[in-house]
Amino acid sequence: MPKLIPVADALSKPFWDAVNQKRLVLQHCTACDRLQYPPQQACQVCSSAAGLTWKEVEGRGHIATYIVIEDGRLNRRMPDQPYNVEVTFEEVAPGQLIHEWQVVA
């Protein structure tokens, strides 16, 4: 099974364009001043769609916890084993968890 390569859609394209330039950008809601990832059509906190912009961040933070997946059951991830999953708190968003918490079949 080949490894999955992320494919940018209209919503995530600014994120992947920045990654290709070795920069980290996150969606920023100007209505409630929160950062979010993964990109969504509306803010996860206040549901505003009009106030979403992209903000460059340093990407510095601390790892709260991590796990090494050596025998996972997700078929699409088996070729990548072992792989790491971590929970990171970014310095630019104190007390705010920025996460990728979606499993897509």
PDB file of N, CA and C in Angstrom:
ATOM      1  N   MET A   1       0.849  -1.175   0.000  1.00  0.00           N
ATOM      2  CA  MET A   1       0.000   0.000   0.000  1.00  0.00           C
ATOM      3  C   MET A   1       0.901   1.248   0.000  1.00  0.00           C
ATOM      4  N   PRO A   2       0.703   2.159  -0.948  1.00  0.00           N
ATOM      5  CA  PRO A   2       1.551   3.351  -1.011  1.00  0.00           C
ATOM      6  C   PRO A   2       1.254   4.311   0.144  1.00  0.00           C
ATOM      7  N   LYS A   3       2.288   5.093   0.500  1.00  0.00           N
ATOM      8  CA  LYS A   3       2.104   6.092   1.551  1.00  0.00           C
ATOM      9  C   LYS A   3       1.177   7.197   1.064  1.00  0.00           C
ATOM     10  N   LEU A   4       0.376   7.711   2.007  1.00  0.00           N
ATOM     11  CA  LEU A   4      -0.536   8.796   1.674  1.00  0.00           C
ATOM     12  C   LEU A   4       0.218  10.116   1.610  1.00  0.00           C
ATOM     13  N   ILE A   5      -0.024  10.861   0.578  1.00  0.00           N
ATOM     14  CA  ILE A   5       0.548  12.194   0.433  1.00  0.00           C
ATOM     15  C   ILE A   5      -0.617  13.168   0.497  1.00  0.00           C
ATOM     16  N   PRO A   6      -0.540  14.160   1.383  1.00  0.00           N
ATOM     17  CA  PRO A   6      -1.659  15.108   1.488  1.00  0.00           C
ATOM     18  C   PRO A   6      -1.919  15.818   0.162  1.00  0.00           C
ATOM     19  N   VAL A   7      -3.172  15.956  -0.169  1.00  0.00           N
ATOM     20  CA  VAL A   7      -3.584  16.674  -1.374  1.00  0.00           C
ATOM     21  C   VAL A   7      -4.315  17.932  -0.920  1.00  0.00           C
ATOM     22  N   ALA A   8      -3.798  19.062  -1.341  1.00  0.00           N
ATOM     23  CA  ALA A   8      -4.403  20.336  -0.949  1.00  0.00           C
ATOM     24  C   ALA A   8      -5.736  20.529  -1.650  1.00  0.00           C
ATOM     25  N   ASP A   9      -6.725  20.987  -0.893  1.00  0.00           N
ATOM     26  CA  ASP A   9      -7.982  21.418  -1.491  1.00  0.00           C
ATOM     27  C   ASP A   9      -8.032  22.942  -1.362  1.00  0.00           C
ATOM     28  N   ALA A  10      -9.109  23.544  -1.786  1.00  0.00           N
ATOM     29  CA  ALA A  10      -9.207  25.009  -1.756  1.00  0.00           C
ATOM     30  C   ALA A  10      -9.037  25.558  -0.344  1.00  0.00           C
ATOM     31  N   LEU A  11      -9.527  24.837   0.647  1.00  0.00           N
ATOM     32  CA  LEU A  11      -9.454  25.299   2.031  1.00  0.00           C
ATOM     33  C   LEU A  11      -8.047  25.183   2.610  1.00  0.00           C
ATOM     34  N   SER A  12      -7.351  24.096   2.308  1.00  0.00           N
ATOM     35  CA  SER A  12      -6.036  23.861   2.915  1.00  0.00           C
ATOM     36  C   SER A  12      -4.860  24.344   2.061  1.00  0.00           C
ATOM     37  N   LYS A  13      -5.114  24.810   0.850  1.00  0.00           N
ATOM     38  CA  LYS A  13      -4.031  25.223  -0.057  1.00  0.00           C
ATOM     39  C   LYS A  13      -3.098  26.268   0.550  1.00  0.00           C
ATOM     40  N   PRO A  14      -3.587  27.321   1.218  1.00  0.00           N
ATOM     41  CA  PRO A  14      -2.650  28.278   1.815  1.00  0.00           C
ATOM     42  C   PRO A  14      -1.710  27.628   2.842  1.00  0.00           C
ATOM     43  N   PHE A  15      -2.212  26.667   3.591  1.00  0.00           N
ATOM     44  CA  PHE A  15      -1.373  25.964   4.565  1.00  0.00           C
ATOM     45  C   PHE A  15      -0.259  25.202   3.854  1.00  0.00           C
ATOM     46  N   TRP A  16      -0.610  24.412   2.829  1.00  0.00           N
ATOM     47  CA  TRP A  16       0.385  23.600   2.129  1.00  0.00           C
ATOM     48  C   TRP A  16       1.336  24.461   1.305  1.00  0.00           C
ATOM     49  N   ASP A  17       0.865  25.564   0.758  1.00  0.00           N
ATOM     50  CA  ASP A  17       1.764  26.485   0.050  1.00  0.00           C
ATOM     51  C   ASP A  17       2.829  27.015   1.008  1.00  0.00           C
ATOM     52  N   ALA A  18       2.416  27.362   2.226  1.00  0.00           N
ATOM     53  CA  ALA A  18       3.372  27.856   3.226  1.00  0.00           C
ATOM     54  C   ALA A  18       4.341  26.752   3.640  1.00  0.00           C
ATOM     55  N   VAL A  19       3.835  25.541   3.826  1.00  0.00           N
ATOM     56  CA  VAL A  19       4.715  24.413   4.176  1.00  0.00           C
ATOM     57  C   VAL A  19       5.795  24.248   3.116  1.00  0.00           C
ATOM     58  N   ASN A  20       5.421  24.337   1.848  1.00  0.00           N
ATOM     59  CA  ASN A  20       6.396  24.198   0.765  1.00  0.00           C
ATOM     60  C   ASN A  20       7.431  25.315   0.761  1.00  0.00           C
ATOM     61  N   GLN A  21       7.119  26.424   1.442  1.00  0.00           N
ATOM     62  CA  GLN A  21       8.068  27.537   1.589  1.00  0.00           C
ATOM     63  C   GLN A  21       8.765  27.496   2.951  1.00  0.00           C
ATOM     64  N   LYS A  22       8.599  26.370   3.669  1.00  0.00           N
ATOM     65  CA  LYS A  22       9.191  26.159   4.996  1.00  0.00           C
ATOM     66  C   LYS A  22       8.699  27.186   6.010  1.00  0.00           C
ATOM     67  N   ARG A  23       7.393  27.523   5.927  1.00  0.00           N
ATOM     68  CA  ARG A  23       6.741  28.418   6.872  1.00  0.00           C
ATOM     69  C   ARG A  23       5.552  27.690   7.480  1.00  0.00           C
ATOM     70  N   LEU A  24       5.127  28.121   8.666  1.00  0.00           N
ATOM     71  CA  LEU A  24       3.954  27.553   9.311  1.00  0.00           C
ATOM     72  C   LEU A  24       2.895  28.637   9.432  1.00  0.00           C
ATOM     73  N   VAL A  25       1.729  28.396   8.859  1.00  0.00           N
ATOM     74  CA  VAL A  25       0.603  29.314   8.994  1.00  0.00           C
ATOM     75  C   VAL A  25      -0.584  28.546   9.548  1.00  0.00           C
ATOM     76  N   LEU A  26      -1.368  29.222  10.363  1.00  0.00           N
ATOM     77  CA  LEU A  26      -2.590  28.657  10.927  1.00  0.00           C
ATOM     78  C   LEU A  26      -3.731  29.619  10.644  1.00  0.00           C
ATOM     79  N   GLN A  27      -4.936  29.088  10.602  1.00  0.00           N
ATOM     80  CA  GLN A  27      -6.091  29.968  10.456  1.00  0.00           C
ATOM     81  C   GLN A  27      -6.240  30.792  11.728  1.00  0.00           C
ATOM     82  N   HIS A  28      -6.559  32.071  11.543  1.00  0.00           N
ATOM     83  CA  HIS A  28      -6.755  32.994  12.659  1.00  0.00           C
ATOM     84  C   HIS A  28      -8.136  33.623  12.531  1.00  0.00           C
ATOM     85  N   CYS A  29      -8.891  33.563  13.602  1.00  0.00           N
ATOM     86  CA  CYS A  29     -10.208  34.195  13.621  1.00  0.00           C
ATOM     87  C   CYS A  29     -10.052  35.596  14.213  1.00  0.00           C
ATOM     88  N   THR A  30     -10.336  36.594  13.408  1.00  0.00           N
ATOM     89  CA  THR A  30     -10.224  37.973  13.893  1.00  0.00           C
ATOM     90  C   THR A  30     -11.381  38.340  14.823  1.00  0.00           C
ATOM     91  N   ALA A  31     -12.479  37.589  14.751  1.00  0.00           N
ATOM     92  CA  ALA A  31     -13.634  37.878  15.607  1.00  0.00           C
ATOM     93  C   ALA A  31     -13.354  37.526  17.075  1.00  0.00           C
ATOM     94  N   CYS A  32     -12.679  36.389  17.309  1.00  0.00           N
ATOM     95  CA  CYS A  32     -12.433  35.979  18.707  1.00  0.00           C
ATOM     96  C   CYS A  32     -10.943  35.815  19.015  1.00  0.00           C
ATOM     97  N   ASP A  33     -10.080  36.148  18.060  1.00  0.00           N
ATOM     98  CA  ASP A  33      -8.621  36.123  18.226  1.00  0.00           C
ATOM     99  C   ASP A  33      -8.097  34.743  18.618  1.00  0.00           C
ATOM    100  N   ARG A  34      -8.596  33.711  17.944  1.00  0.00           N
ATOM    101  CA  ARG A  34      -8.130  32.344  18.198  1.00  0.00           C
ATOM    102  C   ARG A  34      -7.491  31.770  16.935  1.00  0.00           C
ATOM    103  N   LEU A  35      -6.533  30.876  17.144  1.00  0.00           N
ATOM    104  CA  LEU A  35      -5.922  30.141  16.050  1.00  0.00           C
ATOM    105  C   LEU A  35      -6.576  28.776  15.963  1.00  0.00           C
ATOM    106  N   GLN A  36      -6.584  28.202  14.762  1.00  0.00           N
ATOM    107  CA  GLN A  36      -7.146  26.855  14.640  1.00  0.00           C
ATOM    108  C   GLN A  36      -6.439  26.077  13.548  1.00  0.00           C
ATOM    109  N   TYR A  37      -6.387  24.781  13.742  1.00  0.00           N
ATOM    110  CA  TYR A  37      -5.926  23.811  12.779  1.00  0.00           C
ATOM    111  C   TYR A  37      -6.587  22.496  13.139  1.00  0.00           C
ATOM    112  N   PRO A  38      -7.085  21.748  12.219  1.00  0.00           N
ATOM    113  CA  PRO A  38      -7.002  21.900  10.773  1.00  0.00           C
ATOM    114  C   PRO A  38      -7.907  23.014  10.258  1.00  0.00           C
ATOM    115  N   PRO A  39      -7.645  23.490   9.040  1.00  0.00           N
ATOM    116  CA  PRO A  39      -8.472  24.552   8.465  1.00  0.00           C
ATOM    117  C   PRO A  39      -9.932  24.121   8.347  1.00  0.00           C
ATOM    118  N   GLN A  40     -10.812  25.058   8.640  1.00  0.00           N
ATOM    119  CA  GLN A  40     -12.247  24.793   8.542  1.00  0.00           C
ATOM    120  C   GLN A  40     -12.924  25.998   7.901  1.00  0.00           C
ATOM    121  N   GLN A  41     -14.165  25.815   7.476  1.00  0.00           N
ATOM    122  CA  GLN A  41     -14.921  26.893   6.832  1.00  0.00           C
ATOM    123  C   GLN A  41     -15.294  27.999   7.813  1.00  0.00           C
ATOM    124  N   ALA A  42     -15.419  27.653   9.101  1.00  0.00           N
ATOM    125  CA  ALA A  42     -15.802  28.631  10.126  1.00  0.00           C
ATOM    126  C   ALA A  42     -14.959  28.390  11.375  1.00  0.00           C
ATOM    127  N   CYS A  43     -14.907  29.383  12.232  1.00  0.00           N
ATOM    128  CA  CYS A  43     -14.149  29.284  13.482  1.00  0.00           C
ATOM    129  C   CYS A  43     -14.745  28.198  14.380  1.00  0.00           C
ATOM    130  N   GLN A  44     -13.880  27.378  14.969  1.00  0.00           N
ATOM    131  CA  GLN A  44     -14.319  26.313  15.863  1.00  0.00           C
ATOM    132  C   GLN A  44     -14.869  26.849  17.179  1.00  0.00           C
ATOM    133  N   VAL A  45     -14.517  28.094  17.525  1.00  0.00           N
ATOM    134  CA  VAL A  45     -14.925  28.669  18.809  1.00  0.00           C
ATOM    135  C   VAL A  45     -16.189  29.514  18.683  1.00  0.00           C
ATOM    136  N   CYS A  46     -16.174  30.490  17.749  1.00  0.00           N
ATOM    137  CA  CYS A  46     -17.305  31.431  17.667  1.00  0.00           C
ATOM    138  C   CYS A  46     -18.161  31.254  16.416  1.00  0.00           C
ATOM    139  N   SER A  47     -17.799  30.340  15.551  1.00  0.00           N
ATOM    140  CA  SER A  47     -18.532  30.022  14.313  1.00  0.00           C
ATOM    141  C   SER A  47     -18.486  31.120  13.254  1.00  0.00           C
ATOM    142  N   SER A  48     -17.634  32.119  13.427  1.00  0.00           N
ATOM    143  CA  SER A  48     -17.500  33.171  12.425  1.00  0.00           C
ATOM    144  C   SER A  48     -16.788  32.623  11.196  1.00  0.00           C
ATOM    145  N   ALA A  49     -17.314  32.926  10.027  1.00  0.00           N
ATOM    146  CA  ALA A  49     -16.666  32.520   8.788  1.00  0.00           C
ATOM    147  C   ALA A  49     -15.992  33.715   8.120  1.00  0.00           C
ATOM    148  N   ALA A  50     -16.543  34.894   8.353  1.00  0.00           N
ATOM    149  CA  ALA A  50     -16.044  36.101   7.689  1.00  0.00           C
ATOM    150  C   ALA A  50     -14.688  36.538   8.221  1.00  0.00           C
ATOM    151  N   GLY A  51     -14.389  36.213   9.472  1.00  0.00           N
ATOM    152  CA  GLY A  51     -13.167  36.716  10.089  1.00  0.00           C
ATOM    153  C   GLY A  51     -11.967  35.798  10.002  1.00  0.00           C
ATOM    154  N   LEU A  52     -12.023  34.736   9.190  1.00  0.00           N
ATOM    155  CA  LEU A  52     -10.897  33.808   9.113  1.00  0.00           C
ATOM    156  C   LEU A  52      -9.831  34.299   8.144  1.00  0.00           C
ATOM    157  N   THR A  53      -8.606  34.378   8.638  1.00  0.00           N
ATOM    158  CA  THR A  53      -7.453  34.751   7.823  1.00  0.00           C
ATOM    159  C   THR A  53      -6.348  33.732   8.122  1.00  0.00           C
ATOM    160  N   TRP A  54      -5.223  33.876   7.456  1.00  0.00           N
ATOM    161  CA  TRP A  54      -4.067  33.021   7.719  1.00  0.00           C
ATOM    162  C   TRP A  54      -3.006  33.840   8.431  1.00  0.00           C
ATOM    163  N   LYS A  55      -2.411  33.261   9.473  1.00  0.00           N
ATOM    164  CA  LYS A  55      -1.408  33.965  10.266  1.00  0.00           C
ATOM    165  C   LYS A  55      -0.150  33.098  10.355  1.00  0.00           C
ATOM    166  N   GLU A  56       0.978  33.707  10.038  1.00  0.00           N
ATOM    167  CA  GLU A  56       2.250  32.989  10.156  1.00  0.00           C
ATOM    168  C   GLU A  56       2.654  32.928  11.619  1.00  0.00           C
ATOM    169  N   VAL A  57       3.070  31.760  12.058  1.00  0.00           N
ATOM    170  CA  VAL A  57       3.500  31.559  13.437  1.00  0.00           C
ATOM    171  C   VAL A  57       4.892  30.942  13.430  1.00  0.00           C
ATOM    172  N   GLU A  58       5.581  31.048  14.562  1.00  0.00           N
ATOM    173  CA  GLU A  58       6.951  30.543  14.645  1.00  0.00           C
ATOM    174  C   GLU A  58       7.015  29.024  14.696  1.00  0.00           C
ATOM    175  N   GLY A  59       5.973  28.379  15.198  1.00  0.00           N
ATOM    176  CA  GLY A  59       5.997  26.936  15.304  1.00  0.00           C
ATOM    177  C   GLY A  59       6.755  26.441  16.520  1.00  0.00           C
ATOM    178  N   ARG A  60       6.907  27.308  17.514  1.00  0.00           N
ATOM    179  CA  ARG A  60       7.583  26.909  18.752  1.00  0.00           C
ATOM    180  C   ARG A  60       6.542  26.585  19.806  1.00  0.00           C
ATOM    181  N   GLY A  61       6.837  25.579  20.611  1.00  0.00           N
ATOM    182  CA  GLY A  61       5.913  25.187  21.656  1.00  0.00           C
ATOM    183  C   GLY A  61       6.526  24.067  22.477  1.00  0.00           C
ATOM    184  N   HIS A  62       5.687  23.366  23.216  1.00  0.00           N
ATOM    185  CA  HIS A  62       6.199  22.218  23.959  1.00  0.00           C
ATOM    186  C   HIS A  62       5.286  21.016  23.767  1.00  0.00           C
ATOM    187  N   ILE A  63       5.914  19.868  23.782  1.00  0.00           N
ATOM    188  CA  ILE A  63       5.177  18.618  23.607  1.00  0.00           C
ATOM    189  C   ILE A  63       4.622  18.218  24.964  1.00  0.00           C
ATOM    190  N   ALA A  64       3.303  18.135  25.051  1.00  0.00           N
ATOM    191  CA  ALA A  64       2.655  17.753  26.307  1.00  0.00           C
ATOM    192  C   ALA A  64       2.713  16.242  26.499  1.00  0.00           C
ATOM    193  N   THR A  65       2.518  15.501  25.416  1.00  0.00           N
ATOM    194  CA  THR A  65       2.586  14.045  25.481  1.00  0.00           C
ATOM    195  C   THR A  65       2.756  13.503  24.068  1.00  0.00           C
ATOM    196  N   TYR A  66       3.198  12.280  23.971  1.00  0.00           N
ATOM    197  CA  TYR A  66       3.337  11.653  22.667  1.00  0.00           C
ATOM    198  C   TYR A  66       3.216  10.142  22.796  1.00  0.00           C
ATOM    199  N   ILE A  67       3.023   9.479  21.669  1.00  0.00           N
ATOM    200  CA  ILE A  67       2.967   8.026  21.624  1.00  0.00           C
ATOM    201  C   ILE A  67       3.567   7.583  20.292  1.00  0.00           C
ATOM    202  N   VAL A  68       4.219   6.463  20.296  1.00  0.00           N
ATOM    203  CA  VAL A  68       4.736   5.862  19.069  1.00  0.00           C
ATOM    204  C   VAL A  68       3.793   4.726  18.688  1.00  0.00           C
ATOM    205  N   ILE A  69       3.167   4.840  17.528  1.00  0.00           N
ATOM    206  CA  ILE A  69       2.251   3.817  17.041  1.00  0.00           C
ATOM    207  C   ILE A  69       3.071   2.776  16.278  1.00  0.00           C
ATOM    208  N   GLU A  70       3.144   1.579  16.828  1.00  0.00           N
ATOM    209  CA  GLU A  70       3.909   0.517  16.187  1.00  0.00           C
ATOM    210  C   GLU A  70       3.022  -0.567  15.608  1.00  0.00           C
ATOM    211  N   ASP A  71       1.792  -0.675  16.084  1.00  0.00           N
ATOM    212  CA  ASP A  71       0.892  -1.724  15.625  1.00  0.00           C
ATOM    213  C   ASP A  71      -0.528  -1.173  15.538  1.00  0.00           C
ATOM    214  N   GLY A  72      -0.676  -0.083  14.792  1.00  0.00           N
ATOM    215  CA  GLY A  72      -1.986   0.534  14.656  1.00  0.00           C
ATOM    216  C   GLY A  72      -2.895  -0.276  13.753  1.00  0.00           C
ATOM    217  N   ARG A  73      -4.174   0.002  13.838  1.00  0.00           N
ATOM    218  CA  ARG A  73      -5.155  -0.753  13.065  1.00  0.00           C
ATOM    219  C   ARG A  73      -5.741   0.017  11.887  1.00  0.00           C
ATOM    220  N   LEU A  74      -5.297   1.258  11.681  1.00  0.00           N
ATOM    221  CA  LEU A  74      -5.777   2.016  10.527  1.00  0.00           C
ATOM    222  C   LEU A  74      -5.028   1.532   9.291  1.00  0.00           C
ATOM    223  N   ASN A  75      -5.730   0.870   8.391  1.00  0.00           N
ATOM    224  CA  ASN A  75      -5.087   0.299   7.205  1.00  0.00           C
ATOM    225  C   ASN A  75      -4.283   1.328   6.422  1.00  0.00           C
ATOM    226  N   ARG A  76      -4.810   2.549   6.298  1.00  0.00           N
ATOM    227  CA  ARG A  76      -4.123   3.553   5.496  1.00  0.00           C
ATOM    228  C   ARG A  76      -2.825   4.028   6.131  1.00  0.00           C
ATOM    229  N   ARG A  77      -2.618   3.792   7.424  1.00  0.00           N
ATOM    230  CA  ARG A  77      -1.400   4.208   8.119  1.00  0.00           C
ATOM    231  C   ARG A  77      -0.397   3.067   8.322  1.00  0.00           C
ATOM    232  N   MET A  78      -0.782   1.846   8.020  1.00  0.00           N
ATOM    233  CA  MET A  78       0.113   0.707   8.253  1.00  0.00           C
ATOM    234  C   MET A  78       1.465   0.838   7.543  1.00  0.00           C
ATOM    235  N   PRO A  79       1.535   1.356   6.308  1.00  0.00           N
ATOM    236  CA  PRO A  79       2.854   1.485   5.666  1.00  0.00           C
ATOM    237  C   PRO A  79       3.775   2.482   6.385  1.00  0.00           C
ATOM    238  N   ASP A  80       3.215   3.378   7.171  1.00  0.00           N
ATOM    239  CA  ASP A  80       4.009   4.398   7.853  1.00  0.00           C
ATOM    240  C   ASP A  80       4.522   3.946   9.217  1.00  0.00           C
ATOM    241  N   GLN A  81       4.118   2.783   9.682  1.00  0.00           N
ATOM    242  CA  GLN A  81       4.488   2.354  11.030  1.00  0.00           C
ATOM    243  C   GLN A  81       5.965   2.014  11.111  1.00  0.00           C
ATOM    244  N   PRO A  82       6.623   2.343  12.225  1.00  0.00           N
ATOM    245  CA  PRO A  82       6.068   3.099  13.345  1.00  0.00           C
ATOM    246  C   PRO A  82       6.001   4.597  13.019  1.00  0.00           C
ATOM    247  N   TYR A  83       5.021   5.288  13.637  1.00  0.00           N
ATOM    248  CA  TYR A  83       4.915   6.734  13.478  1.00  0.00           C
ATOM    249  C   TYR A  83       4.536   7.350  14.814  1.00  0.00           C
ATOM    250  N   ASN A  84       4.789   8.648  14.937  1.00  0.00           N
ATOM    251  CA  ASN A  84       4.564   9.374  16.190  1.00  0.00           C
ATOM    252  C   ASN A  84       3.286  10.194  16.120  1.00  0.00           C
ATOM    253  N   VAL A  85       2.585  10.265  17.243  1.00  0.00           N
ATOM    254  CA  VAL A  85       1.459  11.169  17.419  1.00  0.00           C
ATOM    255  C   VAL A  85       1.777  11.971  18.670  1.00  0.00           C
ATOM    256  N   GLU A  86       1.629  13.292  18.578  1.00  0.00           N
ATOM    257  CA  GLU A  86       1.947  14.127  19.735  1.00  0.00           C
ATOM    258  C   GLU A  86       0.891  15.190  19.950  1.00  0.00           C
ATOM    259  N   VAL A  87       0.815  15.660  21.179  1.00  0.00           N
ATOM    260  CA  VAL A  87      -0.016  16.802  21.538  1.00  0.00           C
ATOM    261  C   VAL A  87       0.950  17.933  21.861  1.00  0.00           C
ATOM    262  N   THR A  88       0.851  19.015  21.095  1.00  0.00           N
ATOM    263  CA  THR A  88       1.775  20.137  21.237  1.00  0.00           C
ATOM    264  C   THR A  88       1.002  21.399  21.567  1.00  0.00           C
ATOM    265  N   PHE A  89       1.498  22.149  22.534  1.00  0.00           N
ATOM    266  CA  PHE A  89       0.952  23.464  22.851  1.00  0.00           C
ATOM    267  C   PHE A  89       1.882  24.498  22.239  1.00  0.00           C
ATOM    268  N   GLU A  90       1.343  25.314  21.340  1.00  0.00           N
ATOM    269  CA  GLU A  90       2.133  26.316  20.649  1.00  0.00           C
ATOM    270  C   GLU A  90       2.303  27.557  21.519  1.00  0.00           C
ATOM    271  N   GLU A  91       3.502  28.164  21.452  1.00  0.00           N
ATOM    272  CA  GLU A  91       3.760  29.389  22.214  1.00  0.00           C
ATOM    273  C   GLU A  91       2.869  30.546  21.778  1.00  0.00           C
ATOM    274  N   VAL A  92       2.476  30.556  20.507  1.00  0.00           N
ATOM    275  CA  VAL A  92       1.663  31.673  19.997  1.00  0.00           C
ATOM    276  C   VAL A  92       0.222  31.604  20.466  1.00  0.00           C
ATOM    277  N   ALA A  93      -0.180  30.467  21.028  1.00  0.00           N
ATOM    278  CA  ALA A  93      -1.558  30.297  21.476  1.00  0.00           C
ATOM    279  C   ALA A  93      -1.567  29.689  22.875  1.00  0.00           C
ATOM    280  N   PRO A  94      -1.135  30.459  23.888  1.00  0.00           N
ATOM    281  CA  PRO A  94      -1.048  29.902  25.240  1.00  0.00           C
ATOM    282  C   PRO A  94      -2.392  29.361  25.718  1.00  0.00           C
ATOM    283  N   GLY A  95      -2.367  28.151  26.260  1.00  0.00           N
ATOM    284  CA  GLY A  95      -3.581  27.538  26.780  1.00  0.00           C
ATOM    285  C   GLY A  95      -4.526  27.016  25.720  1.00  0.00           C
ATOM    286  N   GLN A  96      -4.119  27.100  24.468  1.00  0.00           N
ATOM    287  CA  GLN A  96      -4.972  26.694  23.364  1.00  0.00           C
ATOM    288  C   GLN A  96      -4.339  25.489  22.681  1.00  0.00           C
ATOM    289  N   LEU A  97      -5.095  24.440  22.496  1.00  0.00           N
ATOM    290  CA  LEU A  97      -4.610  23.233  21.852  1.00  0.00           C
ATOM    291  C   LEU A  97      -4.882  23.316  20.355  1.00  0.00           C
ATOM    292  N   ILE A  98      -3.826  23.267  19.563  1.00  0.00           N
ATOM    293  CA  ILE A  98      -3.949  23.245  18.108  1.00  0.00           C
ATOM    294  C   ILE A  98      -3.776  21.796  17.708  1.00  0.00           C
ATOM    295  N   HIS A  99      -4.763  21.231  17.042  1.00  0.00           N
ATOM    296  CA  HIS A  99      -4.682  19.787  16.806  1.00  0.00           C
ATOM    297  C   HIS A  99      -5.224  19.373  15.454  1.00  0.00           C
ATOM    298  N   GLU A 100      -4.787  18.207  15.053  1.00  0.00           N
ATOM    299  CA  GLU A 100      -5.355  17.500  13.908  1.00  0.00           C
ATOM    300  C   GLU A 100      -6.000  16.288  14.509  1.00  0.00           C
ATOM    301  N   TRP A 101      -7.296  16.290  14.584  1.00  0.00           N
ATOM    302  CA  TRP A 101      -8.005  15.234  15.321  1.00  0.00           C
ATOM    303  C   TRP A 101      -9.109  14.663  14.461  1.00  0.00           C
ATOM    304  N   GLN A 102      -8.792  14.397  13.222  1.00  0.00           N
ATOM    305  CA  GLN A 102      -9.804  13.878  12.326  1.00  0.00           C
ATOM    306  C   GLN A 102      -9.284  12.616  11.666  1.00  0.00           C
ATOM    307  N   VAL A 103     -10.089  11.591  11.649  1.00  0.00           N
ATOM    308  CA  VAL A 103      -9.766  10.368  10.928  1.00  0.00           C
ATOM    309  C   VAL A 103     -10.735  10.290   9.772  1.00  0.00           C
ATOM    310  N   VAL A 104     -10.202  10.281   8.568  1.00  0.00           N
ATOM    311  CA  VAL A 104     -11.027  10.241   7.374  1.00  0.00           C
ATOM    312  C   VAL A 104     -10.886   8.868   6.749  1.00  0.00           C
ATOM    313  N   ALA A 105     -11.993   8.206   6.525  1.00  0.00           N
ATOM    314  CA  ALA A 105     -11.960   6.846   5.950  1.00  0.00           C
ATOM    315  C   ALA A 105     -11.551   6.892   4.501  1.00  0.00           C
TER     316      ALA A 105
END
